[in-house]
Structure formats: structure tokens, C-alpha cells
Amino acid sequence: MADNTAGETIRRYIVEKFPLAKKRGLNHTDSLLETGILDSMGVLELVEFIEGEFRISVTDEDLLPDNFQSIERIAAFVQQKTRTN
């Protein structure tokens, strides 16, 4: 299970930054890509946020849909990256 604190931080950012997330309500397992909450530009904005917030580096190879599918998946990705950095 991913770090709940990271998940909550990511959730707050998404709800504040992306109006559709606020309108729909959002839990940690909702698909951000399939629901249209995140598009390609949104993913890039989110990457910039998590790089700064969690002090990690996201490479081009990390930009896989699986890593950004849901808050739960993003938090797990962040946790994995913080362990390897």
C-alpha cells in the first residue's frame, strides 16, 4: 500500500488544480486518465508538482499511463522513487 500521506497530498493538489476532479468527487482508486480528469498536459503539471513536492526526478521512461492512472498508483510510484533516490 502506498504512503497515505503522499496520497492525500496528491489528492489535494489534483482537486485544487483540476476542476473536473472537484466536480466529480475523487477517491484514491478513480481512474484519472479514463475519466478525463488528467490529460497529457495535466500529467506534465502533476509531474512538475510531485518532483518539487517529493524531491524526486521523473524520467521519460517513468511517464507510463500505469504510473498515473489513479492517486493510489501515483502515490505508489512516488514511494518507489523516493526509496531509489
C-alpha atoms as a PDB file:
ATOM      1  CA  MET A   1       0.000   0.000   0.000  1.00  0.00           C
ATOM      2  CA  ALA A   2       1.298   3.437  -0.878  1.00  0.00           C
ATOM      3  CA  ASP A   3       2.043   6.063   1.729  1.00  0.00           C
ATOM      4  CA  ASN A   4      -1.302   7.583   2.736  1.00  0.00           C
ATOM      5  CA  THR A   5       0.296  10.981   3.388  1.00  0.00           C
ATOM      6  CA  ALA A   6       1.631  11.118  -0.176  1.00  0.00           C
ATOM      7  CA  GLY A   7      -1.771  10.045  -1.465  1.00  0.00           C
ATOM      8  CA  GLU A   8      -3.549  12.794   0.451  1.00  0.00           C
ATOM      9  CA  THR A   9      -1.044  15.420  -0.709  1.00  0.00           C
ATOM     10  CA  ILE A  10      -1.502  14.321  -4.322  1.00  0.00           C
ATOM     11  CA  ARG A  11      -5.289  14.212  -3.951  1.00  0.00           C
ATOM     12  CA  ARG A  12      -5.396  17.760  -2.548  1.00  0.00           C
ATOM     13  CA  TYR A  13      -3.282  19.044  -5.430  1.00  0.00           C
ATOM     14  CA  ILE A  14      -5.435  17.335  -8.069  1.00  0.00           C
ATOM     15  CA  VAL A  15      -8.698  18.561  -6.550  1.00  0.00           C
ATOM     16  CA  GLU A  16      -7.355  22.130  -6.313  1.00  0.00           C
ATOM     17  CA  LYS A  17      -5.750  22.190  -9.772  1.00  0.00           C
ATOM     18  CA  PHE A  18      -8.216  20.254 -11.931  1.00  0.00           C
ATOM     19  CA  PRO A  19     -11.855  21.437 -11.754  1.00  0.00           C
ATOM     20  CA  LEU A  20     -13.295  18.152 -13.031  1.00  0.00           C
ATOM     21  CA  ALA A  21     -11.795  16.326 -10.035  1.00  0.00           C
ATOM     22  CA  LYS A  22     -13.511  18.709  -7.643  1.00  0.00           C
ATOM     23  CA  LYS A  23     -16.806  18.484  -9.525  1.00  0.00           C
ATOM     24  CA  ARG A  24     -16.861  14.670  -9.665  1.00  0.00           C
ATOM     25  CA  GLY A  25     -15.534  13.938  -6.211  1.00  0.00           C
ATOM     26  CA  LEU A  26     -12.451  11.799  -6.135  1.00  0.00           C
ATOM     27  CA  ASN A  27     -11.206   8.747  -4.299  1.00  0.00           C
ATOM     28  CA  HIS A  28      -7.790   7.144  -4.409  1.00  0.00           C
ATOM     29  CA  THR A  29      -8.717   4.431  -6.913  1.00  0.00           C
ATOM     30  CA  ASP A  30     -10.597   6.503  -9.523  1.00  0.00           C
ATOM     31  CA  SER A  31      -9.028   6.424 -12.979  1.00  0.00           C
ATOM     32  CA  LEU A  32      -7.715   9.926 -13.594  1.00  0.00           C
ATOM     33  CA  LEU A  33      -6.934   9.266 -17.252  1.00  0.00           C
ATOM     34  CA  GLU A  34     -10.081   7.392 -18.291  1.00  0.00           C
ATOM     35  CA  THR A  35     -12.367   9.939 -16.643  1.00  0.00           C
ATOM     36  CA  GLY A  36     -10.575  12.833 -18.327  1.00  0.00           C
ATOM     37  CA  ILE A  37      -9.507  14.427 -15.054  1.00  0.00           C
ATOM     38  CA  LEU A  38      -5.922  14.291 -16.333  1.00  0.00           C
ATOM     39  CA  ASP A  39      -4.899  14.757 -19.944  1.00  0.00           C
ATOM     40  CA  SER A  40      -1.344  14.877 -21.284  1.00  0.00           C
ATOM     41  CA  MET A  41      -0.824  18.468 -20.147  1.00  0.00           C
ATOM     42  CA  GLY A  42      -2.314  17.630 -16.753  1.00  0.00           C
ATOM     43  CA  VAL A  43       0.119  14.753 -16.350  1.00  0.00           C
ATOM     44  CA  LEU A  44       3.018  17.113 -17.059  1.00  0.00           C
ATOM     45  CA  GLU A  45       1.716  19.608 -14.484  1.00  0.00           C
ATOM     46  CA  LEU A  46       1.329  16.794 -11.964  1.00  0.00           C
ATOM     47  CA  VAL A  47       4.862  15.564 -12.683  1.00  0.00           C
ATOM     48  CA  GLU A  48       6.220  19.053 -12.032  1.00  0.00           C
ATOM     49  CA  PHE A  49       4.310  19.135  -8.737  1.00  0.00           C
ATOM     50  CA  ILE A  50       5.464  15.723  -7.496  1.00  0.00           C
ATOM     51  CA  GLU A  51       9.083  16.409  -8.487  1.00  0.00           C
ATOM     52  CA  GLY A  52       9.068  19.547  -6.359  1.00  0.00           C
ATOM     53  CA  GLU A  53       6.895  18.293  -3.521  1.00  0.00           C
ATOM     54  CA  PHE A  54       8.604  14.927  -3.027  1.00  0.00           C
ATOM     55  CA  ARG A  55      12.071  15.865  -4.355  1.00  0.00           C
ATOM     56  CA  ILE A  56      12.181  13.098  -6.920  1.00  0.00           C
ATOM     57  CA  SER A  57      13.153  13.024 -10.573  1.00  0.00           C
ATOM     58  CA  VAL A  58      10.646  11.653 -13.074  1.00  0.00           C
ATOM     59  CA  THR A  59      12.295  10.403 -16.256  1.00  0.00           C
ATOM     60  CA  ASP A  60      10.732   9.959 -19.679  1.00  0.00           C
ATOM     61  CA  GLU A  61      10.733   6.214 -19.000  1.00  0.00           C
ATOM     62  CA  ASP A  62       8.580   6.837 -15.901  1.00  0.00           C
ATOM     63  CA  LEU A  63       5.842   8.544 -17.933  1.00  0.00           C
ATOM     64  CA  LEU A  64       3.734   5.424 -18.290  1.00  0.00           C
ATOM     65  CA  PRO A  65      -0.062   5.502 -18.015  1.00  0.00           C
ATOM     66  CA  ASP A  66       0.122   2.874 -15.248  1.00  0.00           C
ATOM     67  CA  ASN A  67       2.112   5.246 -13.028  1.00  0.00           C
ATOM     68  CA  PHE A  68      -0.508   7.999 -13.327  1.00  0.00           C
ATOM     69  CA  GLN A  69      -3.745   6.005 -13.538  1.00  0.00           C
ATOM     70  CA  SER A  70      -5.032   6.838 -10.049  1.00  0.00           C
ATOM     71  CA  ILE A  71      -3.990   8.618  -6.886  1.00  0.00           C
ATOM     72  CA  GLU A  72      -3.170   5.234  -5.379  1.00  0.00           C
ATOM     73  CA  ARG A  73      -0.859   4.381  -8.312  1.00  0.00           C
ATOM     74  CA  ILE A  74       0.786   7.821  -8.260  1.00  0.00           C
ATOM     75  CA  ALA A  75       1.438   7.536  -4.515  1.00  0.00           C
ATOM     76  CA  ALA A  76       2.957   4.067  -5.001  1.00  0.00           C
ATOM     77  CA  PHE A  77       5.140   5.443  -7.809  1.00  0.00           C
ATOM     78  CA  VAL A  78       6.285   8.343  -5.598  1.00  0.00           C
ATOM     79  CA  GLN A  79       7.043   5.961  -2.737  1.00  0.00           C
ATOM     80  CA  GLN A  80       9.080   3.716  -5.033  1.00  0.00           C
ATOM     81  CA  LYS A  81      11.006   6.690  -6.455  1.00  0.00           C
ATOM     82  CA  THR A  82      11.794   8.119  -3.005  1.00  0.00           C
ATOM     83  CA  ARG A  83      13.263   4.762  -1.978  1.00  0.00           C
ATOM     84  CA  THR A  84      15.529   4.642  -5.038  1.00  0.00           C
ATOM     85  CA  ASN A  85      16.665   8.300  -4.992  1.00  0.00           C
END
